[in-house]
Structures are given as structure tokens and as C-alpha cells.
């Protein structure tokens, strides 16, 4: 399959019946990845559809739901996030995620032309797509400090890590598109291609670090750092 076999469009009221299916896929995908994801309710997804702030994809041949993503705004519209990117399992690795990201990015630029667009991700594939759009990796301090945004992380399995680092670092990598100060997509894409192996190794290190953190929180205590060192040696 390839992305030409799908219809990617702005969601509306005719799609609200799919909200439960989409949220079920969010949950099962998070469990399969084991990296954590903020929970979404069907009511919240429906709201995004009704507001015209989401993108939905369907397989052309069958009309089956294939993917979804939505827009969130923070700090009174100064920041925009393209959140909740999900592709149904049968349609993964067909270029659909990139097509959805491109459409939601375009919709964000249309609705909020002056806003900074940012994202948090643990996936190398999403980082690559973001780079192709002109996003750049940034520190957490460059993201919105809106408490409502960070409250959404409470349902993530890595929330304790985030708070222990005073919201300065976590498993996710922060990426930002600033309409007033950004590289052209071809420049960020080229840089990502050059550094992709470094990014991949860094993500693996962060995963090992998270495992060690959770190990140290167990009542028995101790041993976490030794486990981390052994794990890092296996990477290098």
C-alpha cells in the first residue's frame, strides 16, 4: 500500500461515531509501545472534529478508518500542537502517517499562521516527518509553559520522570516550528538524515534511563544505576 490509496481530509460532524474506535486504538497502541501516551476521551476527540481542528484518513477502496490527528492550542494561541497522531495497524508503513502530518500541519498554518507549532514524541519516524516539515529539536523550556498542557502528561507512564526532572526533560523529544525563525524543510530534513543514527541511539539511551528510574522507585530500592550502566554498555 502507499499513501495514494487513502483519503486524508479535515474531520467534521459526520465522523463523530468513530471517536470511540480512535480512542481504543490510542490505548492499545500505547500499551504495545510501552513508552506512554496521554489519554484521550471520545468526547474530546468528538469536540476536535466538530471544531474543524482535526484530520482523518480513510482507505479509498473500503472506506475504513485509517488514521487521525488533531490540533491543540496553548498560551492563548501562541503555541499550537499537532497531537494524537495515530494510524490503524493494517495501514502502517504505507506513508500514511506522513500524509496526515502534512495535512494537519497545513491546517494549523491556515488557522494559526503566527503560532509556534510544537510536538513531543518518542518515535524516530515522527521525528523524521517533523524534520521534513521544518521542525527543529529544542529544549522543553522553548515549549508552552501552560499548566493545562503539562497536566495532559499525568496519564502517561513516564509522568514521574517528567516531574522528577522539573519538566526540563523526559522520554519525549521536543520539536518546534517557529514561523518567524526556522530553517527551510529541506535543511532540517538533510540535517536529520545526517544525524538520524545519533537520534536513534539517544532514544534508546532515554528508554534505558527510564527503565532504571522505575527500577529505583521499587520498595526494595537500589540497583537501578548499575542496571542502567549495563544497558548502556549494550548500546555502545
Protein backbone atom coordinates (compact mmCIF):
# COMPACT_ATOMS: atom_id res chain seq x y z
CA UNK A 1 0.00 0.00 0.00
CA UNK A 2 1.02 3.64 -0.43
CA UNK A 3 -0.39 6.97 0.71
CA UNK A 4 -2.22 7.46 -2.61
CA UNK A 5 -4.64 4.72 -1.55
CA UNK A 6 -6.07 6.92 1.21
CA UNK A 7 -8.28 9.98 1.55
CA UNK A 8 -6.96 12.47 4.11
CA UNK A 9 -9.44 15.21 4.95
CA UNK A 10 -10.50 17.64 7.69
CA UNK A 11 -12.83 15.79 10.08
CA UNK A 12 -16.37 17.04 10.74
CA UNK A 13 -19.66 16.08 12.40
CA UNK A 14 -20.14 13.09 10.09
CA UNK A 15 -17.13 11.39 11.67
CA UNK A 16 -18.01 11.59 15.39
CA UNK A 17 -19.15 7.95 15.51
CA UNK A 18 -15.52 6.93 15.02
CA UNK A 19 -14.30 8.65 18.20
CA UNK A 20 -14.58 5.50 20.35
CA UNK A 21 -12.65 3.42 17.82
CA UNK A 22 -9.91 6.04 17.63
CA UNK A 23 -9.56 6.25 21.42
CA UNK A 24 -9.43 2.45 21.72
CA UNK A 25 -6.56 2.46 19.24
CA UNK A 26 -4.76 5.16 21.24
CA UNK A 27 -4.87 2.95 24.31
CA UNK A 28 -3.84 -0.31 22.63
CA UNK A 29 -1.03 1.44 20.74
CA UNK A 30 0.34 2.94 23.96
CA UNK A 31 0.34 -0.48 25.64
CA UNK A 32 2.12 -2.08 22.68
CA UNK A 33 4.83 0.61 22.57
CA UNK A 34 5.27 0.75 26.33
CA UNK A 35 6.52 4.35 26.13
CA UNK A 36 3.47 6.12 27.49
CA UNK A 37 0.89 8.40 25.91
CA UNK A 38 -1.58 10.93 27.28
CA UNK A 39 -5.11 9.50 27.38
CA UNK A 40 -7.86 10.99 25.21
CA UNK A 41 -11.58 10.64 25.75
CA UNK A 42 -14.11 10.08 22.94
CA UNK A 43 -15.80 13.34 23.96
CA UNK A 44 -12.56 15.26 23.46
CA UNK A 45 -11.96 13.69 20.04
CA UNK A 46 -15.55 14.50 19.01
CA UNK A 47 -15.04 18.11 20.06
CA UNK A 48 -11.99 18.41 17.81
CA UNK A 49 -13.98 17.03 14.91
CA UNK A 50 -16.85 19.46 15.44
CA UNK A 51 -14.45 22.41 15.69
CA UNK A 52 -12.74 21.55 12.42
CA UNK A 53 -9.44 21.07 14.25
CA UNK A 54 -8.64 17.51 13.24
CA UNK A 55 -7.69 15.44 10.23
CA UNK A 56 -8.99 11.94 9.49
CA UNK A 57 -7.94 9.35 6.91
CA UNK A 58 -9.84 6.56 5.16
CA UNK A 59 -8.84 3.77 2.82
CA UNK A 60 -10.25 4.62 -0.62
CA UNK A 61 -11.14 1.04 -1.56
CA UNK A 62 -13.14 0.15 1.55
CA UNK A 63 -13.91 3.44 3.29
CA UNK A 64 -12.42 2.03 6.50
CA UNK A 65 -10.99 4.44 9.07
CA UNK A 66 -7.20 4.54 8.72
CA UNK A 67 -5.77 7.41 10.76
CA UNK A 68 -6.31 10.58 12.79
CA UNK A 69 -4.60 13.68 14.25
CA UNK A 70 -5.83 16.89 15.86
CA UNK A 71 -4.84 20.45 16.76
CA UNK A 72 -4.47 21.82 20.28
CA UNK A 73 -3.79 25.48 21.19
CA UNK A 74 -1.90 26.74 24.24
CA UNK A 75 -0.87 30.06 25.79
CA UNK A 76 -3.76 31.91 24.15
CA UNK A 77 -2.91 30.65 20.68
CA UNK A 78 0.81 31.46 20.82
CA UNK A 79 1.57 27.74 20.61
CA UNK A 80 -0.09 25.01 18.59
CA UNK A 81 0.43 21.26 18.89
CA UNK A 82 -0.42 18.61 16.31
CA UNK A 83 -1.34 15.87 18.74
CA UNK A 84 -2.67 12.34 18.82
CA UNK A 85 -1.26 11.11 15.52
CA UNK A 86 -2.50 7.54 15.11
CA UNK A 87 -2.59 5.11 12.18
CA UNK A 88 -4.68 1.94 12.33
CA UNK A 89 -2.44 -1.17 12.41
CA UNK A 90 -3.42 -2.56 8.96
CA UNK A 91 -2.33 0.67 7.28
CA UNK A 92 1.01 1.33 8.93
CA UNK A 93 4.27 1.62 6.97
CA UNK A 94 2.41 2.90 3.92
CA UNK A 95 3.37 6.55 4.20
CA UNK A 96 0.02 7.47 5.71
CA UNK A 97 1.45 8.98 8.91
CA UNK A 98 3.44 11.46 6.84
CA UNK A 99 0.38 12.37 4.73
CA UNK A 100 -1.67 13.01 7.88
CA UNK A 101 1.10 15.09 9.47
CA UNK A 102 1.45 17.18 6.33
CA UNK A 103 -2.31 17.86 6.22
CA UNK A 104 -2.63 18.73 9.93
CA UNK A 105 0.44 20.95 9.66
CA UNK A 106 -1.14 22.79 6.72
CA UNK A 107 -4.42 23.14 8.64
CA UNK A 108 -2.53 24.54 11.64
CA UNK A 109 -0.77 27.11 9.48
CA UNK A 110 -4.10 28.14 7.94
CA UNK A 111 -5.88 28.55 11.28
CA UNK A 112 -2.95 29.89 13.33
CA UNK A 113 -0.42 31.45 10.91
CA UNK A 114 1.58 33.20 13.65
CA UNK A 115 1.67 30.35 16.16
CA UNK A 116 4.68 28.22 17.02
CA UNK A 117 3.92 24.58 16.24
CA UNK A 118 5.48 22.03 18.57
CA UNK A 119 5.36 18.38 19.44
CA UNK A 120 6.66 15.82 21.92
CA UNK A 121 7.48 12.39 20.57
CA UNK A 122 9.33 9.20 21.43
CA UNK A 123 9.23 7.92 17.84
CA UNK A 124 12.11 8.28 15.40
CA UNK A 125 9.68 8.07 12.45
CA UNK A 126 7.67 11.04 13.75
CA UNK A 127 10.88 12.98 14.32
CA UNK A 128 11.81 12.37 10.69
CA UNK A 129 8.39 13.57 9.47
CA UNK A 130 8.62 16.67 11.67
CA UNK A 131 12.08 17.45 10.30
CA UNK A 132 10.75 17.19 6.75
CA UNK A 133 8.19 19.89 7.68
CA UNK A 134 10.80 22.24 9.14
CA UNK A 135 10.62 21.39 12.86
CA UNK A 136 13.81 21.55 14.90
CA UNK A 137 14.70 19.72 18.15
CA UNK A 138 14.51 22.12 21.12
CA UNK A 139 14.68 22.09 24.90
CA UNK A 140 11.48 21.84 26.93
CA UNK A 141 11.97 25.47 28.03
CA UNK A 142 11.10 26.59 24.48
CA UNK A 143 7.67 24.96 24.64
CA UNK A 144 4.49 26.38 26.12
CA UNK A 145 4.53 26.63 29.90
CA UNK A 146 0.74 26.44 30.01
CA UNK A 147 -0.15 24.26 33.02
CA UNK A 148 -3.07 22.74 31.11
CA UNK A 149 -0.67 21.29 28.55
CA UNK A 150 1.58 19.64 31.11
CA UNK A 151 -1.44 18.35 33.03
CA UNK A 152 -2.15 16.20 29.98
CA UNK A 153 1.02 14.24 30.76
CA UNK A 154 -0.37 12.97 34.07
CA UNK A 155 -1.84 9.87 32.45
CA UNK A 156 1.49 8.96 30.84
CA UNK A 157 3.50 6.15 32.43
CA UNK A 158 6.56 8.41 32.39
CA UNK A 159 4.98 11.28 34.31
CA UNK A 160 7.08 10.61 37.43
CA UNK A 161 10.21 11.01 35.33
CA UNK A 162 8.99 14.31 33.90
CA UNK A 163 8.26 15.73 37.34
CA UNK A 164 11.49 14.45 38.86
CA UNK A 165 13.32 16.46 36.19
CA UNK A 166 11.22 19.57 36.97
CA UNK A 167 9.66 19.37 33.47
CA UNK A 168 13.03 20.03 31.86
CA UNK A 169 13.45 16.57 30.33
CA UNK A 170 11.68 13.25 29.86
CA UNK A 171 11.40 10.34 27.43
CA UNK A 172 9.93 12.51 24.69
CA UNK A 173 11.97 14.67 22.35
CA UNK A 174 10.65 18.23 21.90
CA UNK A 175 10.45 19.67 18.38
CA UNK A 176 9.35 23.15 17.29
CA UNK A 177 8.41 25.03 14.11
CA UNK A 178 8.66 28.80 14.56
CA UNK A 179 7.08 30.67 11.60
CA UNK A 180 9.27 33.70 12.33
CA UNK A 181 12.57 31.86 12.73
CA UNK A 182 13.03 28.46 11.15
CA UNK A 183 15.12 26.57 8.63
CA UNK A 184 13.62 25.50 5.34
CA UNK A 185 12.25 21.92 5.44
CA UNK A 186 14.97 20.69 3.07
CA UNK A 187 17.61 21.96 5.51
CA UNK A 188 16.15 20.32 8.61
CA UNK A 189 15.44 17.13 6.66
CA UNK A 190 19.04 16.96 5.48
CA UNK A 191 20.32 17.54 8.99
CA UNK A 192 18.05 14.80 10.36
CA UNK A 193 19.25 12.33 7.74
CA UNK A 194 22.82 13.04 8.75
CA UNK A 195 22.12 12.68 12.46
CA UNK A 196 19.41 10.00 12.44
CA UNK A 197 21.67 7.30 13.88
CA UNK A 198 22.62 9.63 16.71
CA UNK A 199 18.95 10.39 17.41
CA UNK A 200 18.11 6.69 17.37
CA UNK A 201 20.87 5.92 19.84
CA UNK A 202 19.75 8.81 22.04
CA UNK A 203 16.17 7.49 22.12
CA UNK A 204 17.44 4.07 23.14
CA UNK A 205 19.50 5.65 25.92
CA UNK A 206 16.47 7.55 27.19
CA UNK A 207 14.45 4.32 27.23
CA UNK A 208 17.13 2.57 29.30
CA UNK A 209 17.29 5.56 31.60
CA UNK A 210 13.53 5.39 32.16
CA UNK A 211 13.72 1.68 32.97
CA UNK A 212 16.43 2.35 35.53
CA UNK A 213 14.39 5.19 37.06
CA UNK A 214 11.38 2.90 37.53
CA UNK A 215 13.58 0.17 38.97
CA UNK A 216 14.94 2.55 41.62
CA UNK A 217 11.40 3.51 42.66
CA UNK A 218 10.59 -0.05 43.76
CA UNK A 219 10.36 -0.62 47.55
CA UNK A 220 13.39 -2.94 47.52
CA UNK A 221 15.46 0.03 46.27
CA UNK A 222 18.94 0.19 44.80
CA UNK A 223 20.49 -1.33 41.74
CA UNK A 224 18.94 1.00 39.20
CA UNK A 225 22.10 2.82 38.22
CA UNK A 226 24.05 -0.43 37.88
CA UNK A 227 21.30 -1.75 35.62
CA UNK A 228 21.45 1.45 33.57
CA UNK A 229 25.23 1.20 33.12
CA UNK A 230 24.94 -2.40 31.93
CA UNK A 231 22.19 -1.42 29.49
CA UNK A 232 24.17 1.49 28.07
CA UNK A 233 27.17 -0.75 27.52
CA UNK A 234 24.95 -2.99 25.39
CA UNK A 235 24.05 0.02 23.19
CA UNK A 236 27.61 1.17 22.68
